[in-house]
C-alpha atoms as a PDB file:
ATOM      1  CA  MET A   1       2.450   0.378  19.479  1.00  0.00           C
ATOM      2  CA  THR A   2       4.233  -0.949  16.407  1.00  0.00           C
ATOM      3  CA  ILE A   3       1.961  -2.988  14.162  1.00  0.00           C
ATOM      4  CA  PRO A   4       3.396  -5.064  11.291  1.00  0.00           C
ATOM      5  CA  VAL A   5       2.416  -3.882   7.826  1.00  0.00           C
ATOM      6  CA  VAL A   6       1.760  -6.298   4.966  1.00  0.00           C
ATOM      7  CA  ILE A   7       2.071  -4.578   1.593  1.00  0.00           C
ATOM      8  CA  MET A   8       0.720  -6.315  -1.484  1.00  0.00           C
ATOM      9  CA  CYS A   9       3.315  -6.102  -4.266  1.00  0.00           C
ATOM     10  CA  GLY A  10       2.483  -9.138  -6.381  1.00  0.00           C
ATOM     11  CA  GLY A  11       0.219  -7.826  -9.126  1.00  0.00           C
ATOM     12  CA  GLN A  12       1.148  -7.537 -12.772  1.00  0.00           C
ATOM     13  CA  GLY A  13      -0.024  -3.953 -13.245  1.00  0.00           C
ATOM     14  CA  THR A  14      -1.524  -4.725 -16.662  1.00  0.00           C
ATOM     15  CA  ARG A  15      -3.465  -1.467 -16.838  1.00  0.00           C
ATOM     16  CA  MET A  16      -0.184   0.468 -16.690  1.00  0.00           C
ATOM     17  CA  GLY A  17       0.696  -0.874 -20.127  1.00  0.00           C
ATOM     18  CA  ASN A  18       3.897  -2.573 -21.208  1.00  0.00           C
ATOM     19  CA  THR A  19       6.323  -1.027 -18.707  1.00  0.00           C
ATOM     20  CA  LEU A  20       9.678  -2.514 -17.724  1.00  0.00           C
ATOM     21  CA  THR A  21       9.531  -1.061 -14.219  1.00  0.00           C
ATOM     22  CA  LYS A  22       7.298  -2.728 -11.670  1.00  0.00           C
ATOM     23  CA  LYS A  23       4.347  -0.512 -10.865  1.00  0.00           C
ATOM     24  CA  GLU A  24       5.159  -0.107  -7.165  1.00  0.00           C
ATOM     25  CA  LEU A  25       8.669   1.039  -8.098  1.00  0.00           C
ATOM     26  CA  VAL A  26       7.623   3.770 -10.533  1.00  0.00           C
ATOM     27  CA  ASP A  27       9.340   6.992  -9.529  1.00  0.00           C
ATOM     28  CA  ILE A  28       7.336   9.744  -7.840  1.00  0.00           C
ATOM     29  CA  GLY A  29       9.426  12.709  -6.729  1.00  0.00           C
ATOM     30  CA  GLY A  30      12.681  10.763  -6.775  1.00  0.00           C
ATOM     31  CA  ARG A  31      11.408   7.752  -4.812  1.00  0.00           C
ATOM     32  CA  PRO A  32       9.366   4.679  -5.754  1.00  0.00           C
ATOM     33  CA  LEU A  33       5.655   4.848  -5.006  1.00  0.00           C
ATOM     34  CA  LEU A  34       6.150   1.892  -2.640  1.00  0.00           C
ATOM     35  CA  TRP A  35       8.583   4.001  -0.601  1.00  0.00           C
ATOM     36  CA  HIS A  36       5.897   6.668  -0.213  1.00  0.00           C
ATOM     37  CA  VAL A  37       3.438   4.050   1.082  1.00  0.00           C
ATOM     38  CA  MET A  38       6.007   2.861   3.618  1.00  0.00           C
ATOM     39  CA  ARG A  39       6.771   6.414   4.722  1.00  0.00           C
ATOM     40  CA  ILE A  40       3.101   6.946   5.551  1.00  0.00           C
ATOM     41  CA  PHE A  41       3.163   4.008   7.975  1.00  0.00           C
ATOM     42  CA  SER A  42       6.603   4.935   9.304  1.00  0.00           C
ATOM     43  CA  ALA A  43       5.336   8.415  10.184  1.00  0.00           C
ATOM     44  CA  TYR A  44       3.022   6.744  12.710  1.00  0.00           C
ATOM     45  CA  GLY A  45       5.696   4.457  14.167  1.00  0.00           C
ATOM     46  CA  HIS A  46       4.960   1.337  12.138  1.00  0.00           C
ATOM     47  CA  ASN A  47       8.340   0.313  10.744  1.00  0.00           C
ATOM     48  CA  ARG A  48       8.110  -3.464  10.314  1.00  0.00           C
ATOM     49  CA  PHE A  49       7.108  -4.321   6.755  1.00  0.00           C
ATOM     50  CA  ILE A  50       6.326  -7.644   5.115  1.00  0.00           C
ATOM     51  CA  LEU A  51       6.213  -7.319   1.332  1.00  0.00           C
ATOM     52  CA  ALA A  52       4.162  -9.972  -0.464  1.00  0.00           C
ATOM     53  CA  LEU A  53       6.023 -10.374  -3.758  1.00  0.00           C
ATOM     54  CA  GLY A  54       4.967 -11.966  -7.007  1.00  0.00           C
ATOM     55  CA  HIS A  55       5.308 -10.572 -10.527  1.00  0.00           C
ATOM     56  CA  GLN A  56       8.690  -8.857 -10.995  1.00  0.00           C
ATOM     57  CA  GLY A  57       9.509  -9.492  -7.362  1.00  0.00           C
ATOM     58  CA  ASP A  58      13.189  -9.516  -8.258  1.00  0.00           C
ATOM     59  CA  GLN A  59      13.003  -5.762  -8.888  1.00  0.00           C
ATOM     60  CA  VAL A  60      11.664  -5.140  -5.385  1.00  0.00           C
ATOM     61  CA  ARG A  61      14.369  -7.348  -3.870  1.00  0.00           C
ATOM     62  CA  ARG A  62      17.080  -5.531  -5.784  1.00  0.00           C
ATOM     63  CA  TYR A  63      15.768  -2.131  -4.724  1.00  0.00           C
ATOM     64  CA  PHE A  64      15.988  -2.940  -1.021  1.00  0.00           C
ATOM     65  CA  LEU A  65      19.266  -4.831  -1.271  1.00  0.00           C
ATOM     66  CA  GLU A  66      20.784  -1.714  -2.838  1.00  0.00           C
ATOM     67  CA  TYR A  67      18.769   0.729  -0.736  1.00  0.00           C
ATOM     68  CA  GLU A  68      21.567   2.150   1.419  1.00  0.00           C
ATOM     69  CA  ALA A  69      24.080   2.608  -1.388  1.00  0.00           C
ATOM     70  CA  MET A  70      21.515   4.170  -3.710  1.00  0.00           C
ATOM     71  CA  SER A  71      19.861   6.536  -1.231  1.00  0.00           C
ATOM     72  CA  ARG A  72      22.678   7.867   0.983  1.00  0.00           C
ATOM     73  CA  ASP A  73      26.049   9.529   0.557  1.00  0.00           C
ATOM     74  CA  VAL A  74      28.636   6.778   0.474  1.00  0.00           C
ATOM     75  CA  THR A  75      32.440   6.575   0.512  1.00  0.00           C
ATOM     76  CA  ILE A  76      33.932   3.452  -1.034  1.00  0.00           C
ATOM     77  CA  HIS A  77      37.332   2.328   0.227  1.00  0.00           C
ATOM     78  CA  LEU A  78      39.022   0.170  -2.391  1.00  0.00           C
ATOM     79  CA  ALA A  79      42.167  -1.983  -2.088  1.00  0.00           C
ATOM     80  CA  GLN A  80      42.533  -1.192   1.593  1.00  0.00           C
ATOM     81  CA  PRO A  81      44.663  -3.551   3.730  1.00  0.00           C
ATOM     82  CA  GLU A  82      41.916  -3.847   6.352  1.00  0.00           C
ATOM     83  CA  ASN A  83      39.537  -5.253   3.745  1.00  0.00           C
ATOM     84  CA  LYS A  84      40.579  -8.816   4.461  1.00  0.00           C
ATOM     85  CA  ASN A  85      37.893 -10.340   2.280  1.00  0.00           C
ATOM     86  CA  GLY A  86      39.191  -8.396  -0.708  1.00  0.00           C
ATOM     87  CA  GLY A  87      35.952  -6.495  -1.268  1.00  0.00           C
ATOM     88  CA  PRO A  88      35.286  -2.768  -0.951  1.00  0.00           C
ATOM     89  CA  HIS A  89      34.513  -1.168   2.382  1.00  0.00           C
ATOM     90  CA  LEU A  90      31.519   1.145   2.348  1.00  0.00           C
ATOM     91  CA  ALA A  91      31.089   4.082   4.721  1.00  0.00           C
ATOM     92  CA  TYR A  92      27.711   5.808   4.692  1.00  0.00           C
ATOM     93  CA  GLN A  93      27.325   9.461   5.618  1.00  0.00           C
ATOM     94  CA  GLY A  94      24.440  11.731   6.462  1.00  0.00           C
ATOM     95  CA  GLN A  95      21.233  11.335   8.391  1.00  0.00           C
ATOM     96  CA  TYR A  96      18.632   8.698   7.698  1.00  0.00           C
ATOM     97  CA  GLU A  97      15.416  10.027   6.176  1.00  0.00           C
ATOM     98  CA  HIS A  98      13.237   7.852   8.359  1.00  0.00           C
ATOM     99  CA  ALA A  99      13.257   5.589  11.407  1.00  0.00           C
ATOM    100  CA  PRO A 100      14.967   2.193  11.028  1.00  0.00           C
ATOM    101  CA  TRP A 101      12.921  -0.160   8.878  1.00  0.00           C
ATOM    102  CA  GLN A 102      12.693  -3.926   9.029  1.00  0.00           C
ATOM    103  CA  VAL A 103      11.692  -5.191   5.591  1.00  0.00           C
ATOM    104  CA  THR A 104      10.867  -8.861   5.011  1.00  0.00           C
ATOM    105  CA  LEU A 105      10.604  -9.907   1.365  1.00  0.00           C
ATOM    106  CA  VAL A 106       8.405 -12.960   0.776  1.00  0.00           C
ATOM    107  CA  ASP A 107       7.844 -14.695  -2.550  1.00  0.00           C
ATOM    108  CA  THR A 108       4.099 -15.413  -2.501  1.00  0.00           C
ATOM    109  CA  GLY A 109       3.753 -16.665  -6.083  1.00  0.00           C
ATOM    110  CA  LEU A 110       3.126 -15.230  -9.515  1.00  0.00           C
ATOM    111  CA  GLU A 111      -0.574 -16.026  -9.744  1.00  0.00           C
ATOM    112  CA  ALA A 112      -1.640 -15.993  -6.089  1.00  0.00           C
ATOM    113  CA  GLY A 113      -4.501 -13.764  -5.009  1.00  0.00           C
ATOM    114  CA  ARG A 114      -4.549 -11.611  -1.918  1.00  0.00           C
ATOM    115  CA  ALA A 115      -5.938 -14.247   0.438  1.00  0.00           C
ATOM    116  CA  ALA A 116      -3.260 -16.753  -0.538  1.00  0.00           C
ATOM    117  CA  ARG A 117      -0.550 -14.109  -0.222  1.00  0.00           C
ATOM    118  CA  LEU A 118      -1.713 -13.287   3.305  1.00  0.00           C
ATOM    119  CA  LEU A 119      -1.495 -16.930   4.330  1.00  0.00           C
ATOM    120  CA  LYS A 120       2.017 -17.185   2.898  1.00  0.00           C
ATOM    121  CA  VAL A 121       3.256 -14.281   5.043  1.00  0.00           C
ATOM    122  CA  ALA A 122       1.323 -15.323   8.168  1.00  0.00           C
ATOM    123  CA  SER A 123       4.389 -16.769   9.918  1.00  0.00           C
ATOM    124  CA  TYR A 124       5.983 -13.297   9.952  1.00  0.00           C
ATOM    125  CA  LEU A 125       3.034 -11.515  11.570  1.00  0.00           C
ATOM    126  CA  GLY A 126       3.181 -12.719  15.161  1.00  0.00           C
ATOM    127  CA  ASP A 127       0.057 -13.010  17.301  1.00  0.00           C
ATOM    128  CA  GLY A 128      -1.241  -9.444  17.210  1.00  0.00           C
ATOM    129  CA  ARG A 129      -3.099  -7.353  14.700  1.00  0.00           C
ATOM    130  CA  PHE A 130      -1.626  -6.295  11.377  1.00  0.00           C
ATOM    131  CA  PHE A 131      -2.151  -3.748   8.633  1.00  0.00           C
ATOM    132  CA  VAL A 132      -2.686  -4.665   4.992  1.00  0.00           C
ATOM    133  CA  ALA A 133      -1.974  -2.037   2.347  1.00  0.00           C
ATOM    134  CA  TYR A 134      -1.565  -1.875  -1.405  1.00  0.00           C
ATOM    135  CA  GLY A 135       1.815  -0.853  -2.767  1.00  0.00           C
ATOM    136  CA  GLU A 136       0.149   1.447  -5.286  1.00  0.00           C
ATOM    137  CA  ALA A 137      -2.111   3.648  -3.136  1.00  0.00           C
ATOM    138  CA  VAL A 138      -1.224   6.672  -1.009  1.00  0.00           C
ATOM    139  CA  ALA A 139      -3.308   8.848   1.309  1.00  0.00           C
ATOM    140  CA  ASN A 140      -2.962  11.478   4.003  1.00  0.00           C
ATOM    141  CA  ILE A 141      -4.690   9.043   6.324  1.00  0.00           C
ATOM    142  CA  ASN A 142      -4.427   9.382  10.094  1.00  0.00           C
ATOM    143  CA  LEU A 143      -3.331   5.887  11.088  1.00  0.00           C
ATOM    144  CA  ASP A 144      -3.580   6.699  14.796  1.00  0.00           C
ATOM    145  CA  ALA A 145      -7.261   7.538  14.318  1.00  0.00           C
ATOM    146  CA  LEU A 146      -7.773   4.387  12.256  1.00  0.00           C
ATOM    147  CA  THR A 147      -6.160   2.267  14.979  1.00  0.00           C
ATOM    148  CA  ALA A 148      -8.221   3.933  17.714  1.00  0.00           C
ATOM    149  CA  PHE A 149     -11.397   3.299  15.702  1.00  0.00           C
ATOM    150  CA  HIS A 150     -10.448  -0.365  15.276  1.00  0.00           C
ATOM    151  CA  GLU A 151      -9.713  -0.820  18.971  1.00  0.00           C
ATOM    152  CA  ALA A 152     -12.958   0.880  19.972  1.00  0.00           C
ATOM    153  CA  HIS A 153     -15.283  -1.326  17.918  1.00  0.00           C
ATOM    154  CA  GLY A 154     -13.543  -4.575  18.896  1.00  0.00           C
ATOM    155  CA  LYS A 155     -14.273  -6.411  15.638  1.00  0.00           C
ATOM    156  CA  GLN A 156     -11.861  -8.525  13.597  1.00  0.00           C
ATOM    157  CA  ALA A 157     -11.448  -6.261  10.577  1.00  0.00           C
ATOM    158  CA  THR A 158     -11.448  -2.601   9.594  1.00  0.00           C
ATOM    159  CA  ILE A 159     -11.308  -1.449   6.001  1.00  0.00           C
ATOM    160  CA  THR A 160     -10.747   2.145   4.945  1.00  0.00           C
ATOM    161  CA  GLY A 161     -13.402   3.598   2.686  1.00  0.00           C
ATOM    162  CA  ILE A 162     -12.808   6.525   0.374  1.00  0.00           C
ATOM    163  CA  ARG A 163     -15.051   8.447  -2.008  1.00  0.00           C
ATOM    164  CA  ARG A 164     -14.116   9.252  -5.587  1.00  0.00           C
ATOM    165  CA  HIS A 165     -15.137  11.886  -8.085  1.00  0.00           C
ATOM    166  CA  SER A 166     -16.959  10.738 -11.189  1.00  0.00           C
ATOM    167  CA  GLN A 167     -14.815  10.624 -14.315  1.00  0.00           C
ATOM    168  CA  TYR A 168     -17.632  12.283 -16.240  1.00  0.00           C
ATOM    169  CA  GLY A 169     -20.093  15.129 -15.964  1.00  0.00           C
ATOM    170  CA  LEU A 170     -23.483  14.008 -14.637  1.00  0.00           C
ATOM    171  CA  ILE A 171     -26.692  15.171 -16.280  1.00  0.00           C
ATOM    172  CA  ALA A 172     -30.297  15.176 -15.075  1.00  0.00           C
ATOM    173  CA  ALA A 173     -33.212  15.853 -17.440  1.00  0.00           C
ATOM    174  CA  ASP A 174     -36.966  16.374 -17.147  1.00  0.00           C
ATOM    175  CA  ASP A 175     -39.664  14.359 -18.919  1.00  0.00           C
ATOM    176  CA  GLN A 176     -39.224  16.459 -22.074  1.00  0.00           C
ATOM    177  CA  ASN A 177     -35.450  15.761 -22.051  1.00  0.00           C
ATOM    178  CA  GLY A 178     -34.613  19.294 -21.038  1.00  0.00           C
ATOM    179  CA  VAL A 179     -31.443  19.378 -18.990  1.00  0.00           C
ATOM    180  CA  ILE A 180     -32.216  20.562 -15.491  1.00  0.00           C
ATOM    181  CA  GLN A 181     -28.886  19.764 -13.862  1.00  0.00           C
ATOM    182  CA  PHE A 182     -25.322  19.453 -15.106  1.00  0.00           C
ATOM    183  CA  GLU A 183     -22.460  18.809 -12.716  1.00  0.00           C
ATOM    184  CA  GLU A 184     -18.903  18.235 -13.883  1.00  0.00           C
ATOM    185  CA  LYS A 185     -17.188  15.280 -12.182  1.00  0.00           C
ATOM    186  CA  PRO A 186     -19.117  15.421  -8.894  1.00  0.00           C
ATOM    187  CA  LEU A 187     -18.080  13.612  -5.734  1.00  0.00           C
ATOM    188  CA  LEU A 188     -19.906  10.290  -5.799  1.00  0.00           C
ATOM    189  CA  PRO A 189     -21.913   9.277  -2.704  1.00  0.00           C
ATOM    190  CA  TYR A 190     -20.461   5.749  -2.597  1.00  0.00           C
ATOM    191  CA  TRP A 191     -17.641   4.489  -0.375  1.00  0.00           C
ATOM    192  CA  VAL A 192     -15.104   2.249  -2.082  1.00  0.00           C
ATOM    193  CA  ASN A 193     -12.234   0.126  -0.811  1.00  0.00           C
ATOM    194  CA  GLY A 194      -9.173   2.318  -0.304  1.00  0.00           C
ATOM    195  CA  GLY A 195      -7.012  -0.352   1.344  1.00  0.00           C
ATOM    196  CA  PHE A 196      -5.274   0.648   4.607  1.00  0.00           C
ATOM    197  CA  MET A 197      -6.917  -2.307   6.330  1.00  0.00           C
ATOM    198  CA  LEU A 198      -6.362  -3.374   9.933  1.00  0.00           C
ATOM    199  CA  PHE A 199      -6.979  -7.017  10.848  1.00  0.00           C
ATOM    200  CA  GLU A 200      -6.833  -9.184  13.925  1.00  0.00           C
ATOM    201  CA  THR A 201      -5.054 -12.515  13.443  1.00  0.00           C
ATOM    202  CA  ALA A 202      -8.450 -14.252  13.641  1.00  0.00           C
ATOM    203  CA  VAL A 203      -8.957 -13.102  10.052  1.00  0.00           C
ATOM    204  CA  LEU A 204      -6.211 -15.517   8.992  1.00  0.00           C
ATOM    205  CA  ASP A 205      -8.273 -18.382  10.446  1.00  0.00           C
ATOM    206  CA  VAL A 206     -11.282 -17.145   8.479  1.00  0.00           C
ATOM    207  CA  ILE A 207      -9.201 -17.252   5.294  1.00  0.00           C
ATOM    208  CA  ARG A 208      -7.962 -20.767   6.044  1.00  0.00           C
ATOM    209  CA  CYS A 209     -11.488 -22.050   6.641  1.00  0.00           C
ATOM    210  CA  HIS A 210     -13.640 -20.133   4.184  1.00  0.00           C
ATOM    211  CA  TYR A 211     -11.850 -18.883   1.120  1.00  0.00           C
ATOM    212  CA  ARG A 212     -12.716 -20.471  -2.211  1.00  0.00           C
ATOM    213  CA  GLU A 213     -10.651 -19.885  -5.338  1.00  0.00           C
ATOM    214  CA  ASP A 214      -8.839 -17.149  -3.456  1.00  0.00           C
ATOM    215  CA  LEU A 215     -11.589 -14.563  -3.887  1.00  0.00           C
ATOM    216  CA  PHE A 216     -10.648 -12.179  -1.073  1.00  0.00           C
ATOM    217  CA  GLU A 217     -13.069  -9.384  -1.923  1.00  0.00           C
ATOM    218  CA  THR A 218     -15.974 -11.606  -3.007  1.00  0.00           C
ATOM    219  CA  ASP A 219     -15.556 -14.366  -0.418  1.00  0.00           C
ATOM    220  CA  ILE A 220     -13.627 -13.321   2.686  1.00  0.00           C
ATOM    221  CA  MET A 221     -15.001  -9.800   3.008  1.00  0.00           C
ATOM    222  CA  PRO A 222     -18.663 -10.896   2.631  1.00  0.00           C
ATOM    223  CA  HIS A 223     -18.069 -13.643   5.205  1.00  0.00           C
ATOM    224  CA  LEU A 224     -16.661 -11.151   7.714  1.00  0.00           C
ATOM    225  CA  MET A 225     -19.587  -8.853   6.954  1.00  0.00           C
ATOM    226  CA  ALA A 226     -22.114 -11.649   7.520  1.00  0.00           C
ATOM    227  CA  GLN A 227     -20.506 -12.383  10.876  1.00  0.00           C
ATOM    228  CA  ARG A 228     -20.661  -8.653  11.722  1.00  0.00           C
ATOM    229  CA  GLN A 229     -16.876  -8.545  12.023  1.00  0.00           C
ATOM    230  CA  LEU A 230     -16.157  -5.975   9.299  1.00  0.00           C
ATOM    231  CA  MET A 231     -16.164  -2.238  10.002  1.00  0.00           C
ATOM    232  CA  LEU A 232     -15.669   0.825   7.790  1.00  0.00           C
ATOM    233  CA  TYR A 233     -13.274   3.635   8.630  1.00  0.00           C
ATOM    234  CA  ARG A 234     -14.273   6.669   6.579  1.00  0.00           C
ATOM    235  CA  HIS A 235     -11.390   8.675   5.129  1.00  0.00           C
ATOM    236  CA  ASP A 236     -12.453  12.012   3.637  1.00  0.00           C
ATOM    237  CA  GLY A 237      -8.968  13.281   2.872  1.00  0.00           C
ATOM    238  CA  TYR A 238      -6.620  12.746  -0.043  1.00  0.00           C
ATOM    239  CA  TRP A 239      -6.345   9.281  -1.602  1.00  0.00           C
ATOM    240  CA  GLN A 240      -4.968   8.166  -4.944  1.00  0.00           C
ATOM    241  CA  SER A 241      -3.923   4.852  -6.431  1.00  0.00           C
ATOM    242  CA  MET A 242      -1.831   4.184  -9.507  1.00  0.00           C
ATOM    243  CA  LYS A 243      -3.426   1.701 -11.851  1.00  0.00           C
ATOM    244  CA  THR A 244      -3.051   3.520 -15.172  1.00  0.00           C
ATOM    245  CA  LEU A 245      -0.594   5.864 -16.846  1.00  0.00           C
ATOM    246  CA  GLN A 246      -3.040   8.708 -16.229  1.00  0.00           C
ATOM    247  CA  ASP A 247      -2.931   7.886 -12.505  1.00  0.00           C
ATOM    248  CA  TYR A 248       0.855   8.133 -12.680  1.00  0.00           C
ATOM    249  CA  ILE A 249       0.603  11.596 -14.232  1.00  0.00           C
ATOM    250  CA  THR A 250      -1.897  12.619 -11.533  1.00  0.00           C
ATOM    251  CA  LEU A 251       0.392  11.444  -8.725  1.00  0.00           C
ATOM    252  CA  LYS A 252       3.489  12.990 -10.258  1.00  0.00           C
ATOM    253  CA  GLU A 253       1.820  16.381 -10.683  1.00  0.00           C
ATOM    254  CA  ALA A 254       0.315  16.228  -7.188  1.00  0.00           C
ATOM    255  CA  TRP A 255       3.716  15.617  -5.628  1.00  0.00           C
ATOM    256  CA  LEU A 256       5.303  18.440  -7.592  1.00  0.00           C
ATOM    257  CA  THR A 257       2.625  20.917  -6.557  1.00  0.00           C
ATOM    258  CA  SER A 258       1.380  20.075  -3.060  1.00  0.00           C
ATOM    259  CA  GLN A 259       2.589  16.645  -1.838  1.00  0.00           C
ATOM    260  CA  PRO A 260      -0.949  15.968  -0.546  1.00  0.00           C
ATOM    261  CA  TRP A 261      -0.224  12.565   1.034  1.00  0.00           C
ATOM    262  CA  ARG A 262       2.935  13.651   2.861  1.00  0.00           C
ATOM    263  CA  VAL A 263       2.261  13.026   6.554  1.00  0.00           C
ATOM    264  CA  TRP A 264       5.962  12.838   7.544  1.00  0.00           C
END
């Protein structure tokens, strides 16, 4: 079953530094990171995307408006008699890399938070459930398993949890300050929000009724939790977001060596 996918693309990406390219469009292996996110969903048959745009949304629009000409072989017929409108005729060659995509681009505001952005794209979602993903995070997640988990528990919301390695070496010492354990960058025992969320449309009503100052993570999620409508899908595989330049280097090197999030 095809499920619409909302991808958040409105952030400013301040931790990436002063870059001219929007974070979701930074090149990884010849394609924008956003394209990789979409390919993950497309691999599982979810090909209807609603992109919630904000900061530098014009770059995202331009990318998709030029998508065919910039990603496929193309023959341009100029000054041909059959071109009655006077413009060039384009003929595309070669196979598509993926199933047909439907991409809806929605301006959701420069300063809007995630809850407000969801409400602004609500009219494009229909009456069924929908995914919400971040345009900066990739994973080798099994979306069929996630969907089956969501259907089985019957709640309104599922959020994917991932575990991260510590950035530092952890030390334990005895009462005399003698080091008794040293572990370099261990896997932390905590689950953190990895995105790849699956919601029923009832969540939109929760947002309309309960959100204050657009605090999605500190208002909507706790409300769903209190109502016992929020469930955790545990993903133990690869996951990586791009929030800093170091994250970009990590993703670029990972794609060059092993393509760990490639599920297509």
